[in-house]
Amino acid sequence: MDIMDTIKEQIQSNAVILYMKGSPNAPQCGFSMRTSQAVMACGKRFAYVDVLSNPDIRANLPAYANWPTFPQLWVNGELIGGCDIVTEMHEKGELQSLLDEAVPAEEGE
C-alpha cells in the first residue's frame, strides 16, 4: 500500500487521531506532550501514530495535510491543527465539545 493511502486510511478509520512524536504516555517533545495532554484531558478514546518510529509517515504527512509540523490532530477526517491550536481550543472548552461530538459516549458512561 502506498504511504499516502496508508495515511488516508488511518485518518478515515479513526474518529480522532493524533500524529505525534512519541506516545501519549511517553511524548518525545514538548509540543507533543502538551497536545496529547489536552486530548487526554477530554476523556475520549483516540488513536495516535508515533512519527518517530514511522519515518515514511513523518516524511509524507506534511504534504498530505499541507501542514509542516507535528503534532497534528485530526477529527472526523479534518485537520484541526497543532499544539497551539489544540491547546487554545482545550482552554476555551472547544476541544471537549469537538471530541464529545466525534466520539459518542460509551455505554455505562
N, C-alpha and C. Protein backbone atom coordinates (compact mmCIF):
# COMPACT_ATOMS: atom_id res chain seq x y z
N MET A 1 0.85 -1.19 0.00
CA MET A 1 0.00 0.00 0.00
C MET A 1 0.90 1.25 0.00
N ASP A 2 0.57 2.20 -0.82
CA ASP A 2 1.27 3.47 -0.89
C ASP A 2 1.14 4.20 0.45
N ILE A 3 2.19 4.92 0.86
CA ILE A 3 2.18 5.59 2.16
C ILE A 3 1.06 6.63 2.26
N MET A 4 0.75 7.31 1.14
CA MET A 4 -0.36 8.28 1.16
C MET A 4 -1.69 7.56 1.38
N ASP A 5 -1.84 6.36 0.83
CA ASP A 5 -3.05 5.57 1.06
C ASP A 5 -3.13 5.13 2.52
N THR A 6 -1.99 4.77 3.08
CA THR A 6 -1.95 4.38 4.50
C THR A 6 -2.39 5.54 5.38
N ILE A 7 -1.86 6.73 5.13
CA ILE A 7 -2.24 7.92 5.91
C ILE A 7 -3.73 8.19 5.76
N LYS A 8 -4.22 8.15 4.53
CA LYS A 8 -5.64 8.40 4.28
C LYS A 8 -6.51 7.40 5.03
N GLU A 9 -6.11 6.12 5.00
CA GLU A 9 -6.87 5.07 5.67
C GLU A 9 -6.86 5.28 7.19
N GLN A 10 -5.71 5.67 7.76
CA GLN A 10 -5.63 5.93 9.20
C GLN A 10 -6.58 7.05 9.60
N ILE A 11 -6.58 8.12 8.82
CA ILE A 11 -7.40 9.29 9.14
C ILE A 11 -8.89 8.96 8.99
N GLN A 12 -9.23 8.18 7.96
CA GLN A 12 -10.63 7.84 7.72
C GLN A 12 -11.18 6.83 8.72
N SER A 13 -10.32 5.94 9.22
CA SER A 13 -10.82 4.87 10.09
C SER A 13 -10.75 5.20 11.58
N ASN A 14 -10.28 6.39 11.92
CA ASN A 14 -10.22 6.81 13.33
C ASN A 14 -10.90 8.17 13.47
N ALA A 15 -11.93 8.23 14.31
CA ALA A 15 -12.64 9.49 14.51
C ALA A 15 -11.68 10.57 15.02
N VAL A 16 -10.76 10.16 15.89
CA VAL A 16 -9.77 11.09 16.44
C VAL A 16 -8.41 10.42 16.35
N ILE A 17 -7.48 11.07 15.67
CA ILE A 17 -6.13 10.52 15.56
C ILE A 17 -5.12 11.65 15.73
N LEU A 18 -4.10 11.37 16.51
CA LEU A 18 -3.05 12.34 16.79
C LEU A 18 -1.73 11.80 16.25
N TYR A 19 -1.15 12.54 15.33
CA TYR A 19 0.20 12.23 14.84
C TYR A 19 1.16 13.03 15.71
N MET A 20 2.04 12.34 16.40
CA MET A 20 2.89 13.00 17.39
C MET A 20 4.26 12.34 17.45
N LYS A 21 5.15 12.98 18.18
CA LYS A 21 6.48 12.41 18.44
C LYS A 21 6.40 11.68 19.78
N GLY A 22 6.53 10.36 19.71
CA GLY A 22 6.40 9.54 20.91
C GLY A 22 4.98 9.03 21.06
N SER A 23 4.60 8.74 22.30
CA SER A 23 3.25 8.26 22.59
C SER A 23 2.63 9.17 23.65
N PRO A 24 1.31 9.12 23.82
CA PRO A 24 0.69 9.99 24.83
C PRO A 24 1.28 9.81 26.23
N ASN A 25 1.68 8.59 26.57
CA ASN A 25 2.25 8.34 27.89
C ASN A 25 3.77 8.56 27.95
N ALA A 26 4.39 8.69 26.78
CA ALA A 26 5.84 8.94 26.72
C ALA A 26 6.16 9.84 25.52
N PRO A 27 5.66 11.09 25.58
CA PRO A 27 5.91 12.00 24.46
C PRO A 27 7.40 12.33 24.33
N GLN A 28 7.84 12.55 23.08
CA GLN A 28 9.25 12.81 22.82
C GLN A 28 9.56 14.27 22.50
N CYS A 29 8.57 15.15 22.66
CA CYS A 29 8.83 16.59 22.54
C CYS A 29 7.76 17.33 23.31
N GLY A 30 8.05 18.56 23.69
CA GLY A 30 7.13 19.36 24.49
C GLY A 30 5.81 19.64 23.79
N PHE A 31 5.86 19.88 22.49
CA PHE A 31 4.64 20.18 21.75
C PHE A 31 3.72 18.96 21.73
N SER A 32 4.31 17.79 21.49
CA SER A 32 3.51 16.55 21.50
C SER A 32 2.97 16.29 22.91
N MET A 33 3.75 16.58 23.93
CA MET A 33 3.29 16.39 25.30
C MET A 33 2.08 17.26 25.60
N ARG A 34 2.16 18.55 25.29
CA ARG A 34 1.05 19.46 25.59
C ARG A 34 -0.20 19.10 24.80
N THR A 35 -0.02 18.71 23.55
CA THR A 35 -1.17 18.36 22.71
C THR A 35 -1.82 17.09 23.21
N SER A 36 -1.03 16.06 23.48
CA SER A 36 -1.61 14.80 23.94
C SER A 36 -2.28 14.97 25.31
N GLN A 37 -1.72 15.80 26.18
CA GLN A 37 -2.35 16.05 27.49
C GLN A 37 -3.71 16.72 27.32
N ALA A 38 -3.80 17.67 26.39
CA ALA A 38 -5.08 18.35 26.14
C ALA A 38 -6.12 17.36 25.63
N VAL A 39 -5.71 16.48 24.71
CA VAL A 39 -6.64 15.50 24.16
C VAL A 39 -7.03 14.49 25.24
N MET A 40 -6.07 14.00 26.02
CA MET A 40 -6.37 13.03 27.07
C MET A 40 -7.28 13.62 28.14
N ALA A 41 -7.14 14.91 28.41
CA ALA A 41 -7.96 15.57 29.43
C ALA A 41 -9.44 15.56 29.06
N CYS A 42 -9.74 15.37 27.78
CA CYS A 42 -11.13 15.33 27.34
C CYS A 42 -11.79 13.99 27.62
N GLY A 43 -10.99 12.99 27.96
CA GLY A 43 -11.53 11.69 28.39
C GLY A 43 -12.12 10.84 27.29
N LYS A 44 -11.76 11.10 26.06
CA LYS A 44 -12.27 10.30 24.94
C LYS A 44 -11.15 9.45 24.38
N ARG A 45 -11.54 8.27 23.85
CA ARG A 45 -10.55 7.41 23.23
C ARG A 45 -10.07 8.03 21.92
N PHE A 46 -8.78 7.89 21.66
CA PHE A 46 -8.23 8.39 20.40
C PHE A 46 -7.07 7.51 19.97
N ALA A 47 -6.82 7.53 18.67
CA ALA A 47 -5.68 6.80 18.12
C ALA A 47 -4.50 7.75 18.03
N TYR A 48 -3.31 7.18 17.99
CA TYR A 48 -2.13 8.02 17.77
C TYR A 48 -1.13 7.25 16.93
N VAL A 49 -0.28 8.00 16.25
CA VAL A 49 0.81 7.43 15.48
C VAL A 49 2.08 8.16 15.89
N ASP A 50 3.08 7.38 16.30
CA ASP A 50 4.39 7.93 16.64
C ASP A 50 5.16 8.14 15.34
N VAL A 51 5.34 9.40 14.94
CA VAL A 51 6.02 9.67 13.67
C VAL A 51 7.52 9.40 13.75
N LEU A 52 8.07 9.32 14.95
CA LEU A 52 9.49 9.00 15.08
C LEU A 52 9.77 7.55 14.71
N SER A 53 8.83 6.66 15.01
CA SER A 53 9.02 5.25 14.65
C SER A 53 8.37 4.90 13.31
N ASN A 54 7.79 5.90 12.65
CA ASN A 54 7.20 5.73 11.32
C ASN A 54 7.74 6.81 10.39
N PRO A 55 9.01 6.68 9.97
CA PRO A 55 9.64 7.74 9.18
C PRO A 55 8.94 8.05 7.86
N ASP A 56 8.30 7.06 7.24
CA ASP A 56 7.58 7.32 5.99
C ASP A 56 6.39 8.26 6.24
N ILE A 57 5.69 8.02 7.33
CA ILE A 57 4.56 8.90 7.67
C ILE A 57 5.09 10.28 8.04
N ARG A 58 6.17 10.32 8.81
CA ARG A 58 6.75 11.61 9.20
C ARG A 58 7.16 12.42 7.97
N ALA A 59 7.68 11.75 6.96
CA ALA A 59 8.14 12.44 5.75
C ALA A 59 6.99 12.87 4.85
N ASN A 60 5.88 12.13 4.84
CA ASN A 60 4.82 12.37 3.87
C ASN A 60 3.57 13.06 4.41
N LEU A 61 3.31 12.95 5.70
CA LEU A 61 2.10 13.57 6.25
C LEU A 61 2.06 15.09 6.05
N PRO A 62 3.18 15.80 6.22
CA PRO A 62 3.11 17.25 5.99
C PRO A 62 2.60 17.62 4.59
N ALA A 63 2.97 16.85 3.57
CA ALA A 63 2.48 17.11 2.21
C ALA A 63 1.00 16.75 2.10
N TYR A 64 0.62 15.63 2.70
CA TYR A 64 -0.78 15.20 2.66
C TYR A 64 -1.67 16.24 3.34
N ALA A 65 -1.21 16.73 4.48
CA ALA A 65 -2.02 17.64 5.29
C ALA A 65 -1.87 19.11 4.88
N ASN A 66 -0.83 19.41 4.12
CA ASN A 66 -0.47 20.80 3.85
C ASN A 66 -0.24 21.53 5.17
N TRP A 67 0.43 20.83 6.10
CA TRP A 67 0.73 21.36 7.44
C TRP A 67 2.12 20.84 7.78
N PRO A 68 3.10 21.73 7.98
CA PRO A 68 4.50 21.29 8.02
C PRO A 68 5.00 20.65 9.31
N THR A 69 4.27 20.81 10.40
CA THR A 69 4.84 20.43 11.70
C THR A 69 4.03 19.34 12.39
N PHE A 70 4.61 18.80 13.46
CA PHE A 70 3.96 17.83 14.34
C PHE A 70 3.93 18.43 15.73
N PRO A 71 2.94 18.09 16.51
CA PRO A 71 1.87 17.13 16.27
C PRO A 71 0.78 17.67 15.34
N GLN A 72 -0.06 16.73 14.89
CA GLN A 72 -1.23 17.06 14.09
C GLN A 72 -2.41 16.28 14.66
N LEU A 73 -3.47 17.01 14.99
CA LEU A 73 -4.70 16.36 15.47
C LEU A 73 -5.74 16.39 14.37
N TRP A 74 -6.27 15.20 14.08
CA TRP A 74 -7.32 15.05 13.07
C TRP A 74 -8.59 14.56 13.75
N VAL A 75 -9.72 15.17 13.42
CA VAL A 75 -11.01 14.75 13.96
C VAL A 75 -11.99 14.61 12.80
N ASN A 76 -12.58 13.44 12.71
CA ASN A 76 -13.54 13.14 11.63
C ASN A 76 -12.98 13.49 10.26
N GLY A 77 -11.73 13.14 10.03
CA GLY A 77 -11.11 13.34 8.73
C GLY A 77 -10.64 14.75 8.44
N GLU A 78 -10.75 15.64 9.41
CA GLU A 78 -10.37 17.03 9.21
C GLU A 78 -9.18 17.39 10.11
N LEU A 79 -8.20 18.05 9.53
CA LEU A 79 -7.07 18.51 10.33
C LEU A 79 -7.52 19.66 11.22
N ILE A 80 -7.36 19.49 12.52
CA ILE A 80 -7.72 20.53 13.48
C ILE A 80 -6.55 21.49 13.65
N GLY A 81 -5.34 20.93 13.79
CA GLY A 81 -4.16 21.78 13.91
C GLY A 81 -3.11 21.14 14.78
N GLY A 82 -2.17 21.98 15.20
CA GLY A 82 -1.06 21.53 16.01
C GLY A 82 -1.21 21.97 17.46
N CYS A 83 -0.09 22.04 18.14
CA CYS A 83 -0.06 22.28 19.58
C CYS A 83 -0.79 23.57 19.99
N ASP A 84 -0.44 24.69 19.36
CA ASP A 84 -1.04 25.96 19.79
C ASP A 84 -2.55 25.97 19.62
N ILE A 85 -3.02 25.48 18.48
CA ILE A 85 -4.46 25.47 18.20
C ILE A 85 -5.18 24.54 19.17
N VAL A 86 -4.65 23.33 19.34
CA VAL A 86 -5.30 22.34 20.20
C VAL A 86 -5.30 22.83 21.66
N THR A 87 -4.19 23.38 22.12
CA THR A 87 -4.10 23.87 23.49
C THR A 87 -5.09 25.01 23.72
N GLU A 88 -5.17 25.92 22.77
CA GLU A 88 -6.11 27.05 22.89
C GLU A 88 -7.56 26.55 22.89
N MET A 89 -7.86 25.61 22.01
CA MET A 89 -9.22 25.05 21.97
C MET A 89 -9.56 24.36 23.29
N HIS A 90 -8.59 23.67 23.88
CA HIS A 90 -8.82 23.00 25.16
C HIS A 90 -9.11 24.02 26.25
N GLU A 91 -8.32 25.10 26.29
CA GLU A 91 -8.51 26.14 27.31
C GLU A 91 -9.89 26.80 27.20
N LYS A 92 -10.41 26.91 25.99
CA LYS A 92 -11.72 27.54 25.76
C LYS A 92 -12.88 26.56 25.89
N GLY A 93 -12.58 25.27 26.07
CA GLY A 93 -13.63 24.26 26.14
C GLY A 93 -14.10 23.77 24.79
N GLU A 94 -13.53 24.29 23.72
CA GLU A 94 -13.95 23.91 22.36
C GLU A 94 -13.50 22.50 22.00
N LEU A 95 -12.34 22.09 22.49
CA LEU A 95 -11.83 20.75 22.18
C LEU A 95 -12.74 19.68 22.77
N GLN A 96 -13.18 19.90 24.00
CA GLN A 96 -14.08 18.94 24.65
C GLN A 96 -15.35 18.76 23.83
N SER A 97 -15.94 19.85 23.39
CA SER A 97 -17.16 19.78 22.58
C SER A 97 -16.92 19.03 21.28
N LEU A 98 -15.80 19.35 20.63
CA LEU A 98 -15.46 18.71 19.36
C LEU A 98 -15.30 17.21 19.53
N LEU A 99 -14.58 16.80 20.57
CA LEU A 99 -14.35 15.37 20.79
C LEU A 99 -15.61 14.66 21.28
N ASP A 100 -16.43 15.35 22.08
CA ASP A 100 -17.70 14.75 22.52
C ASP A 100 -18.58 14.43 21.32
N GLU A 101 -18.56 15.33 20.33
CA GLU A 101 -19.34 15.13 19.11
C GLU A 101 -18.76 13.99 18.26
N ALA A 102 -17.45 13.93 18.18
CA ALA A 102 -16.77 12.95 17.31
C ALA A 102 -16.79 11.54 17.89
N VAL A 103 -16.72 11.44 19.21
CA VAL A 103 -16.64 10.13 19.88
C VAL A 103 -17.86 9.99 20.79
N PRO A 104 -18.86 9.25 20.35
CA PRO A 104 -20.09 9.12 21.16
C PRO A 104 -19.78 8.50 22.51
N ALA A 105 -20.58 8.85 23.48
CA ALA A 105 -20.43 8.29 24.83
C ALA A 105 -20.61 6.78 24.76
N GLU A 106 -19.76 6.08 25.47
CA GLU A 106 -19.87 4.63 25.51
C GLU A 106 -20.90 4.23 26.56
N GLU A 107 -21.48 3.08 26.38
CA GLU A 107 -22.46 2.61 27.35
C GLU A 107 -21.83 2.54 28.73
N GLY A 108 -22.59 2.98 29.72
CA GLY A 108 -22.09 2.96 31.09
C GLY A 108 -21.37 4.23 31.47
N GLU A 109 -21.20 5.16 30.55
CA GLU A 109 -20.52 6.43 30.89
C GLU A 109 -21.49 7.35 31.57
